[in-house]
Amino acid sequence: MKAKKVRVEPFGFPLYIATSDESWEMLDLDREALAGAVLTHRGKMYVALPEAYEEDTVWHEAHHVARMLNGAHGVATDPEEHEADCYLQEHVVRLIRTVYKPKMNKIKMVKYDKLY
């Protein structure tokens, strides 16, 4: 499956979400070496993610995307003023979830009576 294109607002920036083996190969990435990655390839920004949804990896890579896009568009953030990064990161996570949503609806949730 090809990478899925989403549009990151408020910048109208196209971002490609790569989850399939085919798209990872096209990006010349090694699934054994990486959980995820943000990179540019042929002038496009890609987020390479696992085939199955992994919350931690999605949030981690979305943070990279938020910092890169805010910086590229002149939105200054620093340790005291970084709310713009937080909101953009959340927006990117929501976009990524739309790519996974068709697969996530097929996953059967398991109810556990005890944690241990």
PDB file of N, CA and C in Angstrom:
ATOM      1  N   MET A   1       0.837  -1.178   0.000  1.00  0.00           N
ATOM      2  CA  MET A   1       0.000   0.000   0.000  1.00  0.00           C
ATOM      3  C   MET A   1       0.882   1.242   0.000  1.00  0.00           C
ATOM      4  N   LYS A   2       0.519   2.211  -0.787  1.00  0.00           N
ATOM      5  CA  LYS A   2       1.245   3.472  -0.848  1.00  0.00           C
ATOM      6  C   LYS A   2       1.027   4.269   0.432  1.00  0.00           C
ATOM      7  N   ALA A   3       1.916   5.222   0.665  1.00  0.00           N
ATOM      8  CA  ALA A   3       1.762   6.123   1.804  1.00  0.00           C
ATOM      9  C   ALA A   3       0.499   6.960   1.619  1.00  0.00           C
ATOM     10  N   LYS A   4      -0.189   7.211   2.713  1.00  0.00           N
ATOM     11  CA  LYS A   4      -1.440   7.973   2.686  1.00  0.00           C
ATOM     12  C   LYS A   4      -1.150   9.446   2.945  1.00  0.00           C
ATOM     13  N   LYS A   5      -1.675  10.309   2.093  1.00  0.00           N
ATOM     14  CA  LYS A   5      -1.465  11.748   2.209  1.00  0.00           C
ATOM     15  C   LYS A   5      -2.515  12.364   3.124  1.00  0.00           C
ATOM     16  N   VAL A   6      -2.046  13.167   4.089  1.00  0.00           N
ATOM     17  CA  VAL A   6      -2.933  13.974   4.931  1.00  0.00           C
ATOM     18  C   VAL A   6      -2.453  15.416   4.816  1.00  0.00           C
ATOM     19  N   ARG A   7      -3.278  16.340   5.242  1.00  0.00           N
ATOM     20  CA  ARG A   7      -2.908  17.753   5.151  1.00  0.00           C
ATOM     21  C   ARG A   7      -2.883  18.353   6.552  1.00  0.00           C
ATOM     22  N   VAL A   8      -1.721  18.887   6.926  1.00  0.00           N
ATOM     23  CA  VAL A   8      -1.536  19.456   8.266  1.00  0.00           C
ATOM     24  C   VAL A   8      -1.908  20.939   8.248  1.00  0.00           C
ATOM     25  N   GLU A   9      -2.945  21.268   9.005  1.00  0.00           N
ATOM     26  CA  GLU A   9      -3.378  22.659   9.136  1.00  0.00           C
ATOM     27  C   GLU A   9      -2.758  23.243  10.404  1.00  0.00           C
ATOM     28  N   PRO A  10      -2.553  24.515  10.494  1.00  0.00           N
ATOM     29  CA  PRO A  10      -3.070  25.574   9.630  1.00  0.00           C
ATOM     30  C   PRO A  10      -2.185  25.881   8.425  1.00  0.00           C
ATOM     31  N   PHE A  11      -1.177  25.058   8.196  1.00  0.00           N
ATOM     32  CA  PHE A  11      -0.213  25.348   7.137  1.00  0.00           C
ATOM     33  C   PHE A  11      -0.611  24.784   5.775  1.00  0.00           C
ATOM     34  N   GLY A  12      -1.608  23.894   5.739  1.00  0.00           N
ATOM     35  CA  GLY A  12      -1.970  23.254   4.480  1.00  0.00           C
ATOM     36  C   GLY A  12      -0.851  22.380   3.960  1.00  0.00           C
ATOM     37  N   PHE A  13      -0.030  21.854   4.878  1.00  0.00           N
ATOM     38  CA  PHE A  13       1.181  21.123   4.506  1.00  0.00           C
ATOM     39  C   PHE A  13       0.876  19.644   4.260  1.00  0.00           C
ATOM     40  N   PRO A  14       1.248  19.120   3.090  1.00  0.00           N
ATOM     41  CA  PRO A  14       1.018  17.690   2.825  1.00  0.00           C
ATOM     42  C   PRO A  14       2.036  16.823   3.582  1.00  0.00           C
ATOM     43  N   LEU A  15       1.521  15.806   4.256  1.00  0.00           N
ATOM     44  CA  LEU A  15       2.335  14.877   5.028  1.00  0.00           C
ATOM     45  C   LEU A  15       1.916  13.475   4.611  1.00  0.00           C
ATOM     46  N   TYR A  16       2.879  12.601   4.384  1.00  0.00           N
ATOM     47  CA  TYR A  16       2.604  11.252   3.909  1.00  0.00           C
ATOM     48  C   TYR A  16       2.882  10.254   5.030  1.00  0.00           C
ATOM     49  N   ILE A  17       1.884   9.424   5.321  1.00  0.00           N
ATOM     50  CA  ILE A  17       1.981   8.442   6.395  1.00  0.00           C
ATOM     51  C   ILE A  17       2.270   7.078   5.766  1.00  0.00           C
ATOM     52  N   ALA A  18       3.440   6.542   6.073  1.00  0.00           N
ATOM     53  CA  ALA A  18       3.901   5.276   5.490  1.00  0.00           C
ATOM     54  C   ALA A  18       3.849   4.181   6.551  1.00  0.00           C
ATOM     55  N   THR A  19       2.973   3.203   6.352  1.00  0.00           N
ATOM     56  CA  THR A  19       2.858   2.111   7.321  1.00  0.00           C
ATOM     57  C   THR A  19       3.137   0.741   6.711  1.00  0.00           C
ATOM     58  N   SER A  20       3.071   0.629   5.414  1.00  0.00           N
ATOM     59  CA  SER A  20       3.223  -0.680   4.763  1.00  0.00           C
ATOM     60  C   SER A  20       4.687  -1.014   4.515  1.00  0.00           C
ATOM     61  N   ASP A  21       4.964  -2.304   4.360  1.00  0.00           N
ATOM     62  CA  ASP A  21       6.321  -2.735   3.999  1.00  0.00           C
ATOM     63  C   ASP A  21       6.751  -2.094   2.686  1.00  0.00           C
ATOM     64  N   GLU A  22       5.816  -2.014   1.750  1.00  0.00           N
ATOM     65  CA  GLU A  22       6.103  -1.413   0.435  1.00  0.00           C
ATOM     66  C   GLU A  22       6.581   0.033   0.582  1.00  0.00           C
ATOM     67  N   SER A  23       5.893   0.813   1.404  1.00  0.00           N
ATOM     68  CA  SER A  23       6.282   2.218   1.555  1.00  0.00           C
ATOM     69  C   SER A  23       7.590   2.361   2.333  1.00  0.00           C
ATOM     70  N   TRP A  24       7.837   1.485   3.312  1.00  0.00           N
ATOM     71  CA  TRP A  24       9.114   1.515   4.032  1.00  0.00           C
ATOM     72  C   TRP A  24      10.266   1.177   3.086  1.00  0.00           C
ATOM     73  N   GLU A  25      10.056   0.205   2.206  1.00  0.00           N
ATOM     74  CA  GLU A  25      11.089  -0.156   1.233  1.00  0.00           C
ATOM     75  C   GLU A  25      11.366   1.000   0.277  1.00  0.00           C
ATOM     76  N   MET A  26      10.314   1.666  -0.163  1.00  0.00           N
ATOM     77  CA  MET A  26      10.463   2.814  -1.062  1.00  0.00           C
ATOM     78  C   MET A  26      11.289   3.914  -0.388  1.00  0.00           C
ATOM     79  N   LEU A  27      11.144   4.054   0.931  1.00  0.00           N
ATOM     80  CA  LEU A  27      11.895   5.054   1.686  1.00  0.00           C
ATOM     81  C   LEU A  27      13.268   4.549   2.126  1.00  0.00           C
ATOM     82  N   ASP A  28      13.576   3.303   1.780  1.00  0.00           N
ATOM     83  CA  ASP A  28      14.846   2.666   2.124  1.00  0.00           C
ATOM     84  C   ASP A  28      15.074   2.638   3.641  1.00  0.00           C
ATOM     85  N   LEU A  29      14.024   2.222   4.369  1.00  0.00           N
ATOM     86  CA  LEU A  29      14.082   2.126   5.827  1.00  0.00           C
ATOM     87  C   LEU A  29      14.051   0.668   6.261  1.00  0.00           C
ATOM     88  N   ASP A  30      14.656   0.388   7.382  1.00  0.00           N
ATOM     89  CA  ASP A  30      14.746  -0.964   7.929  1.00  0.00           C
ATOM     90  C   ASP A  30      13.841  -1.076   9.152  1.00  0.00           C
ATOM     91  N   ARG A  31      12.787  -1.862   9.048  1.00  0.00           N
ATOM     92  CA  ARG A  31      11.854  -2.051  10.163  1.00  0.00           C
ATOM     93  C   ARG A  31      12.528  -2.651  11.393  1.00  0.00           C
ATOM     94  N   GLU A  32      13.577  -3.443  11.167  1.00  0.00           N
ATOM     95  CA  GLU A  32      14.280  -4.070  12.292  1.00  0.00           C
ATOM     96  C   GLU A  32      15.075  -3.036  13.096  1.00  0.00           C
ATOM     97  N   ALA A  33      15.487  -1.967  12.459  1.00  0.00           N
ATOM     98  CA  ALA A  33      16.336  -0.973  13.112  1.00  0.00           C
ATOM     99  C   ALA A  33      15.555   0.210  13.688  1.00  0.00           C
ATOM    100  N   LEU A  34      14.339   0.450  13.181  1.00  0.00           N
ATOM    101  CA  LEU A  34      13.574   1.636  13.562  1.00  0.00           C
ATOM    102  C   LEU A  34      12.155   1.286  13.972  1.00  0.00           C
ATOM    103  N   ALA A  35      11.638   2.005  14.976  1.00  0.00           N
ATOM    104  CA  ALA A  35      10.215   1.895  15.315  1.00  0.00           C
ATOM    105  C   ALA A  35       9.414   2.843  14.426  1.00  0.00           C
ATOM    106  N   GLY A  36      10.017   3.973  14.090  1.00  0.00           N
ATOM    107  CA  GLY A  36       9.376   4.972  13.256  1.00  0.00           C
ATOM    108  C   GLY A  36      10.402   6.010  12.834  1.00  0.00           C
ATOM    109  N   ALA A  37       9.988   6.911  11.944  1.00  0.00           N
ATOM    110  CA  ALA A  37      10.916   7.941  11.469  1.00  0.00           C
ATOM    111  C   ALA A  37      10.146   9.065  10.795  1.00  0.00           C
ATOM    112  N   VAL A  38      10.730  10.245  10.798  1.00  0.00           N
ATOM    113  CA  VAL A  38      10.237  11.385  10.024  1.00  0.00           C
ATOM    114  C   VAL A  38      11.367  11.757   9.075  1.00  0.00           C
ATOM    115  N   LEU A  39      11.054  11.848   7.799  1.00  0.00           N
ATOM    116  CA  LEU A  39      12.087  12.137   6.814  1.00  0.00           C
ATOM    117  C   LEU A  39      11.483  12.773   5.573  1.00  0.00           C
ATOM    118  N   THR A  40      12.357  13.348   4.751  1.00  0.00           N
ATOM    119  CA  THR A  40      11.919  13.840   3.454  1.00  0.00           C
ATOM    120  C   THR A  40      12.460  12.897   2.388  1.00  0.00           C
ATOM    121  N   HIS A  41      11.647  12.713   1.361  1.00  0.00           N
ATOM    122  CA  HIS A  41      12.010  11.841   0.250  1.00  0.00           C
ATOM    123  C   HIS A  41      11.398  12.442  -1.002  1.00  0.00           C
ATOM    124  N   ARG A  42      12.255  12.768  -1.961  1.00  0.00           N
ATOM    125  CA  ARG A  42      11.806  13.368  -3.228  1.00  0.00           C
ATOM    126  C   ARG A  42      10.915  14.594  -3.001  1.00  0.00           C
ATOM    127  N   GLY A  43      11.331  15.419  -2.046  1.00  0.00           N
ATOM    128  CA  GLY A  43      10.629  16.674  -1.791  1.00  0.00           C
ATOM    129  C   GLY A  43       9.360  16.574  -0.973  1.00  0.00           C
ATOM    130  N   LYS A  44       9.071  15.402  -0.422  1.00  0.00           N
ATOM    131  CA  LYS A  44       7.865  15.220   0.397  1.00  0.00           C
ATOM    132  C   LYS A  44       8.266  14.787   1.803  1.00  0.00           C
ATOM    133  N   MET A  45       7.475  15.204   2.806  1.00  0.00           N
ATOM    134  CA  MET A  45       7.725  14.784   4.176  1.00  0.00           C
ATOM    135  C   MET A  45       6.910  13.527   4.477  1.00  0.00           C
ATOM    136  N   TYR A  46       7.603  12.527   5.015  1.00  0.00           N
ATOM    137  CA  TYR A  46       6.985  11.244   5.365  1.00  0.00           C
ATOM    138  C   TYR A  46       7.129  10.968   6.857  1.00  0.00           C
ATOM    139  N   VAL A  47       6.120  10.311   7.398  1.00  0.00           N
ATOM    140  CA  VAL A  47       6.212   9.721   8.726  1.00  0.00           C
ATOM    141  C   VAL A  47       6.086   8.217   8.512  1.00  0.00           C
ATOM    142  N   ALA A  48       7.153   7.496   8.817  1.00  0.00           N
ATOM    143  CA  ALA A  48       7.155   6.038   8.690  1.00  0.00           C
ATOM    144  C   ALA A  48       6.783   5.463  10.053  1.00  0.00           C
ATOM    145  N   LEU A  49       5.756   4.626  10.063  1.00  0.00           N
ATOM    146  CA  LEU A  49       5.223   4.079  11.310  1.00  0.00           C
ATOM    147  C   LEU A  49       4.988   2.578  11.173  1.00  0.00           C
ATOM    148  N   PRO A  50       4.840   1.891  12.309  1.00  0.00           N
ATOM    149  CA  PRO A  50       4.568   0.457  12.255  1.00  0.00           C
ATOM    150  C   PRO A  50       3.257   0.161  11.526  1.00  0.00           C
ATOM    151  N   GLU A  51       3.150  -1.049  11.019  1.00  0.00           N
ATOM    152  CA  GLU A  51       1.923  -1.447  10.317  1.00  0.00           C
ATOM    153  C   GLU A  51       0.728  -1.457  11.258  1.00  0.00           C
ATOM    154  N   ALA A  52       0.936  -1.918  12.489  1.00  0.00           N
ATOM    155  CA  ALA A  52      -0.107  -1.895  13.516  1.00  0.00           C
ATOM    156  C   ALA A  52       0.095  -0.644  14.367  1.00  0.00           C
ATOM    157  N   TYR A  53      -1.002  -0.030  14.760  1.00  0.00           N
ATOM    158  CA  TYR A  53      -0.948   1.213  15.527  1.00  0.00           C
ATOM    159  C   TYR A  53      -0.206   1.028  16.854  1.00  0.00           C
ATOM    160  N   GLU A  54       0.759   1.902  17.112  1.00  0.00           N
ATOM    161  CA  GLU A  54       1.490   1.935  18.377  1.00  0.00           C
ATOM    162  C   GLU A  54       1.445   3.366  18.906  1.00  0.00           C
ATOM    163  N   GLU A  55       0.684   3.563  19.958  1.00  0.00           N
ATOM    164  CA  GLU A  55       0.439   4.903  20.516  1.00  0.00           C
ATOM    165  C   GLU A  55       1.730   5.674  20.807  1.00  0.00           C
ATOM    166  N   ASP A  56       2.666   5.049  21.492  1.00  0.00           N
ATOM    167  CA  ASP A  56       3.900   5.744  21.872  1.00  0.00           C
ATOM    168  C   ASP A  56       4.685   6.215  20.653  1.00  0.00           C
ATOM    169  N   THR A  57       4.798   5.366  19.670  1.00  0.00           N
ATOM    170  CA  THR A  57       5.554   5.715  18.460  1.00  0.00           C
ATOM    171  C   THR A  57       4.866   6.841  17.694  1.00  0.00           C
ATOM    172  N   VAL A  58       3.551   6.777  17.605  1.00  0.00           N
ATOM    173  CA  VAL A  58       2.804   7.826  16.897  1.00  0.00           C
ATOM    174  C   VAL A  58       3.026   9.181  17.562  1.00  0.00           C
ATOM    175  N   TRP A  59       2.881   9.258  18.879  1.00  0.00           N
ATOM    176  CA  TRP A  59       3.078  10.530  19.586  1.00  0.00           C
ATOM    177  C   TRP A  59       4.521  11.014  19.454  1.00  0.00           C
ATOM    178  N   HIS A  60       5.467  10.097  19.529  1.00  0.00           N
ATOM    179  CA  HIS A  60       6.883  10.467  19.401  1.00  0.00           C
ATOM    180  C   HIS A  60       7.162  11.103  18.038  1.00  0.00           C
ATOM    181  N   GLU A  61       6.736  10.431  16.974  1.00  0.00           N
ATOM    182  CA  GLU A  61       6.994  10.947  15.626  1.00  0.00           C
ATOM    183  C   GLU A  61       6.188  12.218  15.358  1.00  0.00           C
ATOM    184  N   ALA A  62       4.987  12.306  15.907  1.00  0.00           N
ATOM    185  CA  ALA A  62       4.177  13.521  15.743  1.00  0.00           C
ATOM    186  C   ALA A  62       4.854  14.725  16.393  1.00  0.00           C
ATOM    187  N   HIS A  63       5.586  14.484  17.471  1.00  0.00           N
ATOM    188  CA  HIS A  63       6.325  15.580  18.108  1.00  0.00           C
ATOM    189  C   HIS A  63       7.392  16.123  17.157  1.00  0.00           C
ATOM    190  N   HIS A  64       8.118  15.228  16.502  1.00  0.00           N
ATOM    191  CA  HIS A  64       9.115  15.669  15.514  1.00  0.00           C
ATOM    192  C   HIS A  64       8.458  16.504  14.414  1.00  0.00           C
ATOM    193  N   VAL A  65       7.334  16.026  13.909  1.00  0.00           N
ATOM    194  CA  VAL A  65       6.631  16.736  12.836  1.00  0.00           C
ATOM    195  C   VAL A  65       6.212  18.126  13.306  1.00  0.00           C
ATOM    196  N   ALA A  66       5.632  18.223  14.493  1.00  0.00           N
ATOM    197  CA  ALA A  66       5.165  19.516  15.018  1.00  0.00           C
ATOM    198  C   ALA A  66       6.323  20.499  15.153  1.00  0.00           C
ATOM    199  N   ARG A  67       7.424  20.052  15.730  1.00  0.00           N
ATOM    200  CA  ARG A  67       8.580  20.937  15.912  1.00  0.00           C
ATOM    201  C   ARG A  67       9.138  21.390  14.553  1.00  0.00           C
ATOM    202  N   MET A  68       9.233  20.443  13.602  1.00  0.00           N
ATOM    203  CA  MET A  68       9.771  20.782  12.277  1.00  0.00           C
ATOM    204  C   MET A  68       8.872  21.777  11.545  1.00  0.00           C
ATOM    205  N   LEU A  69       7.563  21.518  11.540  1.00  0.00           N
ATOM    206  CA  LEU A  69       6.653  22.386  10.799  1.00  0.00           C
ATOM    207  C   LEU A  69       6.542  23.761  11.440  1.00  0.00           C
ATOM    208  N   ASN A  70       6.435  23.819  12.757  1.00  0.00           N
ATOM    209  CA  ASN A  70       6.371  25.135  13.408  1.00  0.00           C
ATOM    210  C   ASN A  70       7.653  25.921  13.127  1.00  0.00           C
ATOM    211  N   GLY A  71       8.802  25.264  13.234  1.00  0.00           N
ATOM    212  CA  GLY A  71      10.059  25.943  12.953  1.00  0.00           C
ATOM    213  C   GLY A  71      10.148  26.432  11.516  1.00  0.00           C
ATOM    214  N   ALA A  72       9.732  25.588  10.587  1.00  0.00           N
ATOM    215  CA  ALA A  72       9.800  25.941   9.163  1.00  0.00           C
ATOM    216  C   ALA A  72       8.850  27.082   8.802  1.00  0.00           C
ATOM    217  N   HIS A  73       7.778  27.242   9.585  1.00  0.00           N
ATOM    218  CA  HIS A  73       6.794  28.283   9.288  1.00  0.00           C
ATOM    219  C   HIS A  73       6.931  29.494  10.208  1.00  0.00           C
ATOM    220  N   GLY A  74       8.048  29.584  10.917  1.00  0.00           N
ATOM    221  CA  GLY A  74       8.321  30.780  11.715  1.00  0.00           C
ATOM    222  C   GLY A  74       7.573  30.869  13.027  1.00  0.00           C
ATOM    223  N   VAL A  75       7.023  29.763  13.495  1.00  0.00           N
ATOM    224  CA  VAL A  75       6.344  29.754  14.793  1.00  0.00           C
ATOM    225  C   VAL A  75       7.400  29.447  15.852  1.00  0.00           C
ATOM    226  N   ALA A  76       7.803  30.473  16.568  1.00  0.00           N
ATOM    227  CA  ALA A  76       8.878  30.331  17.550  1.00  0.00           C
ATOM    228  C   ALA A  76       8.358  29.654  18.814  1.00  0.00           C
ATOM    229  N   THR A  77       9.041  28.596  19.228  1.00  0.00           N
ATOM    230  CA  THR A  77       8.720  27.944  20.494  1.00  0.00           C
ATOM    231  C   THR A  77      10.010  27.760  21.279  1.00  0.00           C
ATOM    232  N   ASP A  78       9.861  27.686  22.582  1.00  0.00           N
ATOM    233  CA  ASP A  78      11.002  27.474  23.470  1.00  0.00           C
ATOM    234  C   ASP A  78      10.500  26.763  24.722  1.00  0.00           C
ATOM    235  N   PRO A  79      11.385  26.477  25.687  1.00  0.00           N
ATOM    236  CA  PRO A  79      10.949  25.737  26.877  1.00  0.00           C
ATOM    237  C   PRO A  79       9.830  26.413  27.673  1.00  0.00           C
ATOM    238  N   GLU A  80       9.731  27.735  27.621  1.00  0.00           N
ATOM    239  CA  GLU A  80       8.662  28.425  28.345  1.00  0.00           C
ATOM    240  C   GLU A  80       7.402  28.611  27.502  1.00  0.00           C
ATOM    241  N   GLU A  81       7.550  28.674  26.198  1.00  0.00           N
ATOM    242  CA  GLU A  81       6.415  28.940  25.307  1.00  0.00           C
ATOM    243  C   GLU A  81       6.384  27.901  24.195  1.00  0.00           C
ATOM    244  N   HIS A  82       5.660  26.821  24.441  1.00  0.00           N
ATOM    245  CA  HIS A  82       5.631  25.717  23.477  1.00  0.00           C
ATOM    246  C   HIS A  82       4.228  25.159  23.247  1.00  0.00           C
ATOM    247  N   GLU A  83       3.223  25.941  23.580  1.00  0.00           N
ATOM    248  CA  GLU A  83       1.842  25.496  23.395  1.00  0.00           C
ATOM    249  C   GLU A  83       1.536  25.205  21.929  1.00  0.00           C
ATOM    250  N   ALA A  84       2.117  25.983  21.025  1.00  0.00           N
ATOM    251  CA  ALA A  84       1.879  25.750  19.593  1.00  0.00           C
ATOM    252  C   ALA A  84       2.355  24.356  19.185  1.00  0.00           C
ATOM    253  N   ASP A  85       3.481  23.907  19.743  1.00  0.00           N
ATOM    254  CA  ASP A  85       3.961  22.555  19.456  1.00  0.00           C
ATOM    255  C   ASP A  85       2.976  21.504  19.959  1.00  0.00           C
ATOM    256  N   CYS A  86       2.454  21.730  21.163  1.00  0.00           N
ATOM    257  CA  CYS A  86       1.524  20.760  21.760  1.00  0.00           C
ATOM    258  C   CYS A  86       0.256  20.609  20.926  1.00  0.00           C
ATOM    259  N   TYR A  87      -0.329  21.737  20.529  1.00  0.00           N
ATOM    260  CA  TYR A  87      -1.557  21.673  19.733  1.00  0.00           C
ATOM    261  C   TYR A  87      -1.310  21.055  18.362  1.00  0.00           C
ATOM    262  N   LEU A  88      -0.196  21.405  17.749  1.00  0.00           N
ATOM    263  CA  LEU A  88       0.095  20.845  16.431  1.00  0.00           C
ATOM    264  C   LEU A  88       0.398  19.351  16.539  1.00  0.00           C
ATOM    265  N   GLN A  89       1.105  18.945  17.576  1.00  0.00           N
ATOM    266  CA  GLN A  89       1.381  17.522  17.788  1.00  0.00           C
ATOM    267  C   GLN A  89       0.069  16.741  17.915  1.00  0.00           C
ATOM    268  N   GLU A  90      -0.860  17.257  18.699  1.00  0.00           N
ATOM    269  CA  GLU A  90      -2.162  16.586  18.853  1.00  0.00           C
ATOM    270  C   GLU A  90      -2.888  16.493  17.511  1.00  0.00           C
ATOM    271  N   HIS A  91      -2.847  17.561  16.727  1.00  0.00           N
ATOM    272  CA  HIS A  91      -3.486  17.557  15.407  1.00  0.00           C
ATOM    273  C   HIS A  91      -2.869  16.486  14.504  1.00  0.00           C
ATOM    274  N   VAL A  92      -1.541  16.375  14.527  1.00  0.00           N
ATOM    275  CA  VAL A  92      -0.858  15.376  13.703  1.00  0.00           C
ATOM    276  C   VAL A  92      -1.226  13.965  14.157  1.00  0.00           C
ATOM    277  N   VAL A  93      -1.312  13.743  15.463  1.00  0.00           N
ATOM    278  CA  VAL A  93      -1.725  12.422  15.972  1.00  0.00           C
ATOM    279  C   VAL A  93      -3.122  12.085  15.459  1.00  0.00           C
ATOM    280  N   ARG A  94      -4.036  13.029  15.507  1.00  0.00           N
ATOM    281  CA  ARG A  94      -5.403  12.783  15.021  1.00  0.00           C
ATOM    282  C   ARG A  94      -5.405  12.440  13.522  1.00  0.00           C
ATOM    283  N   LEU A  95      -4.571  13.130  12.751  1.00  0.00           N
ATOM    284  CA  LEU A  95      -4.469  12.814  11.322  1.00  0.00           C
ATOM    285  C   LEU A  95      -3.933  11.402  11.115  1.00  0.00           C
ATOM    286  N   ILE A  96      -2.913  11.039  11.864  1.00  0.00           N
ATOM    287  CA  ILE A  96      -2.339   9.702  11.747  1.00  0.00           C
ATOM    288  C   ILE A  96      -3.375   8.646  12.109  1.00  0.00           C
ATOM    289  N   ARG A  97      -4.156   8.908  13.134  1.00  0.00           N
ATOM    290  CA  ARG A  97      -5.203   7.942  13.534  1.00  0.00           C
ATOM    291  C   ARG A  97      -6.226   7.718  12.427  1.00  0.00           C
ATOM    292  N   THR A  98      -6.485   8.739  11.605  1.00  0.00           N
ATOM    293  CA  THR A  98      -7.433   8.539  10.500  1.00  0.00           C
ATOM    294  C   THR A  98      -6.896   7.533   9.493  1.00  0.00           C
ATOM    295  N   VAL A  99      -5.579   7.460   9.370  1.00  0.00           N
ATOM    296  CA  VAL A  99      -4.960   6.485   8.463  1.00  0.00           C
ATOM    297  C   VAL A  99      -5.126   5.073   9.033  1.00  0.00           C
ATOM    298  N   TYR A 100      -4.985   4.952  10.343  1.00  0.00           N
ATOM    299  CA  TYR A 100      -5.101   3.644  10.992  1.00  0.00           C
ATOM    300  C   TYR A 100      -6.547   3.225  11.252  1.00  0.00           C
ATOM    301  N   LYS A 101      -7.482   4.161  11.263  1.00  0.00           N
ATOM    302  CA  LYS A 101      -8.861   3.883  11.683  1.00  0.00           C
ATOM    303  C   LYS A 101      -9.492   2.662  11.015  1.00  0.00           C
ATOM    304  N   PRO A 102      -9.391   2.504   9.691  1.00  0.00           N
ATOM    305  CA  PRO A 102     -10.003   1.310   9.090  1.00  0.00           C
ATOM    306  C   PRO A 102      -9.453   0.005   9.677  1.00  0.00           C
ATOM    307  N   LYS A 103      -8.171  -0.019   9.991  1.00  0.00           N
ATOM    308  CA  LYS A 103      -7.567  -1.215  10.580  1.00  0.00           C
ATOM    309  C   LYS A 103      -7.975  -1.366  12.043  1.00  0.00           C
ATOM    310  N   MET A 104      -8.051  -0.251  12.755  1.00  0.00           N
ATOM    311  CA  MET A 104      -8.352  -0.292  14.181  1.00  0.00           C
ATOM    312  C   MET A 104      -9.763  -0.787  14.450  1.00  0.00           C
ATOM    313  N   ASN A 105     -10.692  -0.511  13.556  1.00  0.00           N
ATOM    314  CA  ASN A 105     -12.066  -0.966  13.735  1.00  0.00           C
ATOM    315  C   ASN A 105     -12.173  -2.487  13.665  1.00  0.00           C
ATOM    316  N   LYS A 106     -11.191  -3.139  13.040  1.00  0.00           N
ATOM    317  CA  LYS A 106     -11.209  -4.592  12.895  1.00  0.00           C
ATOM    318  C   LYS A 106     -10.552  -5.305  14.072  1.00  0.00           C
ATOM    319  N   ILE A 107      -9.856  -4.535  14.914  1.00  0.00           N
ATOM    320  CA  ILE A 107      -9.161  -5.149  16.048  1.00  0.00           C
ATOM    321  C   ILE A 107     -10.163  -5.443  17.158  1.00  0.00           C
ATOM    322  N   LYS A 108     -10.159  -6.673  17.614  1.00  0.00           N
ATOM    323  CA  LYS A 108     -11.049  -7.054  18.706  1.00  0.00           C
ATOM    324  C   LYS A 108     -10.381  -6.673  20.020  1.00  0.00           C
ATOM    325  N   MET A 109     -11.101  -5.908  20.832  1.00  0.00           N
ATOM    326  CA  MET A 109     -10.562  -5.495  22.118  1.00  0.00           C
ATOM    327  C   MET A 109     -10.720  -6.640  23.119  1.00  0.00           C
ATOM    328  N   VAL A 110      -9.688  -6.871  23.903  1.00  0.00           N
ATOM    329  CA  VAL A 110      -9.695  -7.932  24.906  1.00  0.00           C
ATOM    330  C   VAL A 110      -9.914  -7.301  26.265  1.00  0.00           C
ATOM    331  N   LYS A 111     -10.871  -7.832  27.015  1.00  0.00           N
ATOM    332  CA  LYS A 111     -11.137  -7.324  28.356  1.00  0.00           C
ATOM    333  C   LYS A 111     -10.402  -8.197  29.354  1.00  0.00           C
ATOM    334  N   TYR A 112      -9.640  -7.566  30.214  1.00  0.00           N
ATOM    335  CA  TYR A 112      -8.915  -8.277  31.237  1.00  0.00           C
ATOM    336  C   TYR A 112      -9.583  -8.070  32.580  1.00  0.00           C
ATOM    337  N   ASP A 113      -9.777  -9.167  33.330  1.00  0.00           N
ATOM    338  CA  ASP A 113     -10.358  -9.051  34.658  1.00  0.00           C
ATOM    339  C   ASP A 113      -9.346  -8.539  35.659  1.00  0.00           C
ATOM    340  N   LYS A 114      -8.091  -8.909  35.472  1.00  0.00           N
ATOM    341  CA  LYS A 114      -7.025  -8.483  36.372  1.00  0.00           C
ATOM    342  C   LYS A 114      -5.815  -8.059  35.546  1.00  0.00           C
ATOM    343  N   LEU A 115      -5.048  -7.163  36.101  1.00  0.00           N
ATOM    344  CA  LEU A 115      -3.814  -6.776  35.426  1.00  0.00           C
ATOM    345  C   LEU A 115      -2.719  -7.791  35.634  1.00  0.00           C
ATOM    346  N   TYR A 116      -2.725  -8.463  36.777  1.00  0.00           N
ATOM    347  CA  TYR A 116      -1.669  -9.445  37.096  1.00  0.00           C
ATOM    348  C   TYR A 116      -2.289 -10.785  37.374  1.00  0.00           C
TER     349      TYR A 116
END
